[in-house]
C-alpha cells in the first residue's frame, strides 16, 4: 500500500520539485499551496505524513503545524518542516509547534526520501 504525503508550500516550483522527489521515492503526493488549502485537503484525506514549508503568506508553517496538531483526525500524523531558515530558533519553534523533524532548504532528493522513509518507519520502499 502506497503511503501518501501532503506537501504544503506556496512556491509552485518547490511544491512540484518535492512532489517529484517523493513520487520517485514511491510515495503518493497530495499538494496544497497555503494553509487554507492544506486544511481543506485534510478535511477530505488522512495522509500518512505532512511536509510543511515555514514561510508562506497568511498562516505560516509553524502556525499551521499548531492547528494540525489541534485537530482530532490527524493528531499522530508525522510532520516534517522544510525551511530556508535553518537557525536554532526557527528549528525550536517548529519542534515546539508539534513538528517531528526539520529539514533546511535546499533539500537533496536522497535526504528528503531517506528522512520521509525514516519518519514513516520504512527502510525500503513498498511495492
Protein backbone atom coordinates (compact mmCIF):
# COMPACT_ATOMS: atom_id res chain seq x y z
CA UNK A 1 0.00 0.00 0.00
CA UNK A 2 1.46 3.33 -1.07
CA UNK A 3 1.94 5.94 1.65
CA UNK A 4 0.50 9.39 0.93
CA UNK A 5 2.18 12.63 1.89
CA UNK A 6 0.63 16.09 1.99
CA UNK A 7 3.13 18.75 0.86
CA UNK A 8 2.34 22.39 1.68
CA UNK A 9 4.47 25.09 0.01
CA UNK A 10 3.47 28.44 -1.50
CA UNK A 11 6.23 28.23 -4.13
CA UNK A 12 4.86 26.21 -7.03
CA UNK A 13 8.39 25.28 -8.14
CA UNK A 14 9.25 23.87 -4.73
CA UNK A 15 5.88 22.11 -4.49
CA UNK A 16 6.44 20.48 -7.88
CA UNK A 17 10.04 19.52 -7.12
CA UNK A 18 9.24 17.99 -3.72
CA UNK A 19 6.29 16.18 -5.30
CA UNK A 20 8.54 14.67 -7.99
CA UNK A 21 11.15 13.62 -5.40
CA UNK A 22 8.50 11.88 -3.30
CA UNK A 23 6.80 10.23 -6.27
CA UNK A 24 10.18 8.88 -7.42
CA UNK A 25 10.66 7.62 -3.88
CA UNK A 26 7.47 5.59 -4.25
CA UNK A 27 5.03 7.84 -2.38
CA UNK A 28 1.65 9.26 -3.32
CA UNK A 29 1.57 13.06 -3.08
CA UNK A 30 -1.19 15.49 -2.09
CA UNK A 31 -0.37 19.17 -2.63
CA UNK A 32 -1.53 22.46 -1.14
CA UNK A 33 -0.15 25.95 -1.74
CA UNK A 34 -1.23 27.52 1.55
CA UNK A 35 -2.62 26.75 4.99
CA UNK A 36 -6.28 27.13 3.96
CA UNK A 37 -5.85 24.71 1.07
CA UNK A 38 -3.92 22.29 3.31
CA UNK A 39 -6.72 22.23 5.89
CA UNK A 40 -9.20 21.63 3.08
CA UNK A 41 -7.14 18.65 1.89
CA UNK A 42 -7.09 17.29 5.46
CA UNK A 43 -10.89 17.54 5.59
CA UNK A 44 -11.02 15.09 2.66
CA UNK A 45 -7.92 12.93 3.24
CA UNK A 46 -5.84 11.41 6.01
CA UNK A 47 -2.25 11.48 4.71
CA UNK A 48 0.42 9.28 6.29
CA UNK A 49 2.68 12.30 6.69
CA UNK A 50 2.67 16.08 6.23
CA UNK A 51 5.53 18.25 4.94
CA UNK A 52 5.23 21.98 5.65
CA UNK A 53 7.14 24.98 4.35
CA UNK A 54 7.60 27.63 7.04
CA UNK A 55 7.42 30.88 5.09
CA UNK A 56 4.00 31.17 3.48
CA UNK A 57 1.61 34.10 3.14
CA UNK A 58 -1.21 34.24 5.67
CA UNK A 59 -0.69 31.45 8.17
CA UNK A 60 2.92 30.25 8.18
CA UNK A 61 4.03 26.64 8.53
CA UNK A 62 4.62 26.92 12.28
CA UNK A 63 1.08 28.18 12.92
CA UNK A 64 -0.33 25.59 10.53
CA UNK A 65 1.57 22.89 12.40
CA UNK A 66 -0.09 24.01 15.67
CA UNK A 67 -3.53 23.99 14.02
CA UNK A 68 -2.96 20.49 12.60
CA UNK A 69 -1.81 19.22 16.00
CA UNK A 70 -5.05 20.55 17.49
CA UNK A 71 -7.22 18.52 15.10
CA UNK A 72 -8.76 15.26 16.28
CA UNK A 73 -8.41 13.46 12.94
CA UNK A 74 -4.62 13.72 12.44
CA UNK A 75 -3.07 14.09 15.91
CA UNK A 76 -0.32 11.50 15.43
CA UNK A 77 0.50 12.16 11.77
CA UNK A 78 4.25 12.82 11.41
CA UNK A 79 5.03 16.40 10.37
CA UNK A 80 8.29 17.44 8.70
CA UNK A 81 9.04 21.14 8.39
CA UNK A 82 11.14 22.39 5.48
CA UNK A 83 12.59 25.86 5.67
CA UNK A 84 15.21 28.14 4.21
CA UNK A 85 15.68 29.22 7.83
CA UNK A 86 17.99 26.69 9.44
CA UNK A 87 18.80 28.67 12.60
CA UNK A 88 18.30 27.10 16.01
CA UNK A 89 15.43 29.43 16.97
CA UNK A 90 13.40 28.54 13.86
CA UNK A 91 14.03 24.84 14.41
CA UNK A 92 12.95 25.11 18.06
CA UNK A 93 9.76 26.97 17.06
CA UNK A 94 8.93 24.19 14.61
CA UNK A 95 9.51 21.41 17.13
CA UNK A 96 7.59 23.27 19.85
CA UNK A 97 4.67 23.69 17.42
CA UNK A 98 4.50 19.91 17.17
CA UNK A 99 6.70 19.05 14.18
CA UNK A 100 8.51 15.72 14.41
CA UNK A 101 11.53 16.91 12.45
CA UNK A 102 13.03 19.80 10.49
CA UNK A 103 15.00 19.88 7.23
CA UNK A 104 16.73 23.01 5.95
CA UNK A 105 16.28 24.02 2.30
CA UNK A 106 17.64 23.49 -0.27
CA UNK A 107 16.95 19.79 0.08
CA UNK A 108 18.56 16.93 -1.77
CA UNK A 109 16.42 14.14 -3.20
CA UNK A 110 18.20 11.43 -1.24
CA UNK A 111 17.98 13.34 2.06
CA UNK A 112 14.27 14.04 1.66
CA UNK A 113 13.29 10.48 0.69
CA UNK A 114 15.51 8.98 3.42
CA UNK A 115 14.03 11.33 6.03
CA UNK A 116 10.45 10.56 4.95
CA UNK A 117 11.06 6.79 4.96
CA UNK A 118 12.69 7.06 8.36
CA UNK A 119 9.78 9.07 9.79
CA UNK A 120 7.28 6.56 8.38
CA UNK A 121 9.30 3.64 9.74
CA UNK A 122 10.17 2.34 6.29
CA UNK A 123 13.66 1.21 5.43
CA UNK A 124 12.83 0.18 1.89
CA UNK A 125 10.16 1.43 -0.49
CA UNK A 126 6.97 -0.61 -0.51
CA UNK A 127 5.77 -2.16 -3.75
